[in-house]
């Protein structure tokens, strides 16, 4: 079980859970749209997990091959595609293996 001061990682199992997680979360939510066959995704996933481990945040991992409708709804045209939601609102995002953008997203979570 996660402590109250740590991140929570959720591997999306159902599209119906997605909006519930986003809109009902009391902490910021990072969504990592990825695919198993994507090399940059495989590199970025562990970096995200490492950088958020001491933050009050949820990380939702979404495989675009399993959830194509969600990827289309959130305009995922390239992967990795990472979105930050605060109080249900998309406040930041980036596409690709971009550590500088990830660091800026982490700053958004902390502010």
C-alpha atoms as a PDB file:
ATOM      1  CA  UNK A   1       0.000   0.000   0.000  1.00  0.00           C
ATOM      2  CA  UNK A   2       1.254   3.477  -0.816  1.00  0.00           C
ATOM      3  CA  UNK A   3       1.881   5.960   1.950  1.00  0.00           C
ATOM      4  CA  UNK A   4      -0.123   9.220   1.816  1.00  0.00           C
ATOM      5  CA  UNK A   5       3.003  11.040   0.624  1.00  0.00           C
ATOM      6  CA  UNK A   6       3.808   8.759  -2.301  1.00  0.00           C
ATOM      7  CA  UNK A   7       2.666   8.186  -5.831  1.00  0.00           C
ATOM      8  CA  UNK A   8       0.149   5.590  -6.949  1.00  0.00           C
ATOM      9  CA  UNK A   9       0.593   3.684 -10.210  1.00  0.00           C
ATOM     10  CA  UNK A  10      -2.516   2.455 -12.012  1.00  0.00           C
ATOM     11  CA  UNK A  11      -2.325   0.228 -15.095  1.00  0.00           C
ATOM     12  CA  UNK A  12      -5.607   0.961 -16.841  1.00  0.00           C
ATOM     13  CA  UNK A  13      -7.768  -2.147 -17.182  1.00  0.00           C
ATOM     14  CA  UNK A  14     -11.040  -0.582 -18.331  1.00  0.00           C
ATOM     15  CA  UNK A  15     -11.847   2.505 -20.380  1.00  0.00           C
ATOM     16  CA  UNK A  16     -14.773   3.215 -18.072  1.00  0.00           C
ATOM     17  CA  UNK A  17     -12.337   3.589 -15.160  1.00  0.00           C
ATOM     18  CA  UNK A  18     -10.311   6.268 -16.941  1.00  0.00           C
ATOM     19  CA  UNK A  19     -12.614   9.254 -16.463  1.00  0.00           C
ATOM     20  CA  UNK A  20     -13.450   8.186 -12.922  1.00  0.00           C
ATOM     21  CA  UNK A  21      -9.755   8.211 -12.065  1.00  0.00           C
ATOM     22  CA  UNK A  22      -9.163  11.581 -13.771  1.00  0.00           C
ATOM     23  CA  UNK A  23     -12.207  13.444 -12.476  1.00  0.00           C
ATOM     24  CA  UNK A  24     -12.455  12.057  -8.959  1.00  0.00           C
ATOM     25  CA  UNK A  25      -8.786  12.176  -8.006  1.00  0.00           C
ATOM     26  CA  UNK A  26      -7.873  14.485  -5.134  1.00  0.00           C
ATOM     27  CA  UNK A  27      -4.257  14.576  -6.354  1.00  0.00           C
ATOM     28  CA  UNK A  28      -2.775  15.392  -9.781  1.00  0.00           C
ATOM     29  CA  UNK A  29      -2.914  12.582 -12.360  1.00  0.00           C
ATOM     30  CA  UNK A  30      -0.235  11.861 -14.948  1.00  0.00           C
ATOM     31  CA  UNK A  31      -1.411   9.750 -17.877  1.00  0.00           C
ATOM     32  CA  UNK A  32       1.264   7.915 -19.846  1.00  0.00           C
ATOM     33  CA  UNK A  33      -0.070   6.820 -23.243  1.00  0.00           C
ATOM     34  CA  UNK A  34       2.362   4.219 -24.548  1.00  0.00           C
ATOM     35  CA  UNK A  35       2.695   0.922 -26.442  1.00  0.00           C
ATOM     36  CA  UNK A  36       4.685  -2.241 -25.725  1.00  0.00           C
ATOM     37  CA  UNK A  37       6.444  -1.982 -29.102  1.00  0.00           C
ATOM     38  CA  UNK A  38       7.591   1.631 -28.533  1.00  0.00           C
ATOM     39  CA  UNK A  39      11.290   1.930 -27.617  1.00  0.00           C
ATOM     40  CA  UNK A  40      11.114   5.514 -26.277  1.00  0.00           C
ATOM     41  CA  UNK A  41       8.057   4.511 -24.202  1.00  0.00           C
ATOM     42  CA  UNK A  42      10.014   1.698 -22.575  1.00  0.00           C
ATOM     43  CA  UNK A  43      12.751   4.175 -21.649  1.00  0.00           C
ATOM     44  CA  UNK A  44      10.429   6.929 -20.401  1.00  0.00           C
ATOM     45  CA  UNK A  45       8.143   4.795 -18.212  1.00  0.00           C
ATOM     46  CA  UNK A  46      10.786   3.979 -15.568  1.00  0.00           C
ATOM     47  CA  UNK A  47      12.019   7.601 -15.577  1.00  0.00           C
ATOM     48  CA  UNK A  48       8.503   8.879 -14.848  1.00  0.00           C
ATOM     49  CA  UNK A  49       8.082   6.341 -12.037  1.00  0.00           C
ATOM     50  CA  UNK A  50      11.403   7.341 -10.510  1.00  0.00           C
ATOM     51  CA  UNK A  51      10.714  11.091 -10.666  1.00  0.00           C
ATOM     52  CA  UNK A  52       7.241  10.844  -9.112  1.00  0.00           C
ATOM     53  CA  UNK A  53       7.882   8.286  -6.384  1.00  0.00           C
ATOM     54  CA  UNK A  54       7.937  10.868  -3.575  1.00  0.00           C
ATOM     55  CA  UNK A  55       5.078  13.015  -4.937  1.00  0.00           C
ATOM     56  CA  UNK A  56       1.365  12.915  -4.138  1.00  0.00           C
ATOM     57  CA  UNK A  57       0.294  11.972  -7.644  1.00  0.00           C
ATOM     58  CA  UNK A  58      -1.371   9.160  -9.567  1.00  0.00           C
ATOM     59  CA  UNK A  59       0.256   7.714 -12.669  1.00  0.00           C
ATOM     60  CA  UNK A  60      -2.115   6.012 -15.088  1.00  0.00           C
ATOM     61  CA  UNK A  61      -0.470   3.932 -17.800  1.00  0.00           C
ATOM     62  CA  UNK A  62      -2.575   3.493 -20.935  1.00  0.00           C
ATOM     63  CA  UNK A  63      -1.566   1.093 -23.714  1.00  0.00           C
ATOM     64  CA  UNK A  64      -2.821   2.717 -26.927  1.00  0.00           C
ATOM     65  CA  UNK A  65      -3.209  -0.668 -28.603  1.00  0.00           C
ATOM     66  CA  UNK A  66      -5.714  -1.693 -25.910  1.00  0.00           C
ATOM     67  CA  UNK A  67      -7.445   1.701 -25.636  1.00  0.00           C
ATOM     68  CA  UNK A  68      -7.499   3.176 -29.136  1.00  0.00           C
ATOM     69  CA  UNK A  69     -10.671   5.178 -28.453  1.00  0.00           C
ATOM     70  CA  UNK A  70      -9.073   6.934 -25.466  1.00  0.00           C
ATOM     71  CA  UNK A  71      -5.951   7.665 -27.489  1.00  0.00           C
ATOM     72  CA  UNK A  72      -8.109   9.216 -30.208  1.00  0.00           C
ATOM     73  CA  UNK A  73     -10.218  11.189 -27.713  1.00  0.00           C
ATOM     74  CA  UNK A  74      -7.081  12.701 -26.144  1.00  0.00           C
ATOM     75  CA  UNK A  75      -5.493  13.383 -29.552  1.00  0.00           C
ATOM     76  CA  UNK A  76      -2.560  11.028 -29.125  1.00  0.00           C
ATOM     77  CA  UNK A  77      -0.762  11.234 -32.457  1.00  0.00           C
ATOM     78  CA  UNK A  78       2.673  10.153 -31.243  1.00  0.00           C
ATOM     79  CA  UNK A  79       3.989   8.190 -28.296  1.00  0.00           C
ATOM     80  CA  UNK A  80       4.989   8.400 -25.585  1.00  0.00           C
ATOM     81  CA  UNK A  81       2.294  11.014 -24.963  1.00  0.00           C
ATOM     82  CA  UNK A  82       2.110  12.198 -21.359  1.00  0.00           C
ATOM     83  CA  UNK A  83      -0.698  14.375 -19.972  1.00  0.00           C
ATOM     84  CA  UNK A  84      -1.009  16.022 -16.562  1.00  0.00           C
ATOM     85  CA  UNK A  85      -4.492  16.531 -15.140  1.00  0.00           C
ATOM     86  CA  UNK A  86      -5.245  18.647 -12.074  1.00  0.00           C
ATOM     87  CA  UNK A  87      -8.795  18.568 -10.734  1.00  0.00           C
ATOM     88  CA  UNK A  88      -9.905  16.864 -13.950  1.00  0.00           C
ATOM     89  CA  UNK A  89      -8.433  19.521 -16.256  1.00  0.00           C
ATOM     90  CA  UNK A  90      -5.560  18.902 -18.681  1.00  0.00           C
ATOM     91  CA  UNK A  91      -2.900  21.414 -17.610  1.00  0.00           C
ATOM     92  CA  UNK A  92       0.236  20.157 -19.363  1.00  0.00           C
ATOM     93  CA  UNK A  93       1.382  17.522 -21.834  1.00  0.00           C
ATOM     94  CA  UNK A  94       4.329  16.465 -23.943  1.00  0.00           C
ATOM     95  CA  UNK A  95       5.081  13.969 -26.684  1.00  0.00           C
ATOM     96  CA  UNK A  96       8.242  11.901 -27.039  1.00  0.00           C
ATOM     97  CA  UNK A  97      11.155  11.024 -24.787  1.00  0.00           C
ATOM     98  CA  UNK A  98      11.538  14.543 -23.387  1.00  0.00           C
ATOM     99  CA  UNK A  99      13.076  14.696 -19.923  1.00  0.00           C
ATOM    100  CA  UNK A 100      13.034  18.514 -19.821  1.00  0.00           C
ATOM    101  CA  UNK A 101       9.266  18.534 -20.421  1.00  0.00           C
ATOM    102  CA  UNK A 102       8.839  15.819 -17.792  1.00  0.00           C
ATOM    103  CA  UNK A 103      10.799  17.936 -15.295  1.00  0.00           C
ATOM    104  CA  UNK A 104       8.548  20.927 -16.097  1.00  0.00           C
ATOM    105  CA  UNK A 105       5.518  18.699 -15.523  1.00  0.00           C
ATOM    106  CA  UNK A 106       6.943  17.656 -12.147  1.00  0.00           C
ATOM    107  CA  UNK A 107       7.292  21.363 -11.279  1.00  0.00           C
ATOM    108  CA  UNK A 108       3.615  21.868 -12.234  1.00  0.00           C
ATOM    109  CA  UNK A 109       2.666  19.093  -9.808  1.00  0.00           C
ATOM    110  CA  UNK A 110       4.671  20.664  -7.007  1.00  0.00           C
ATOM    111  CA  UNK A 111       3.152  24.130  -7.467  1.00  0.00           C
END
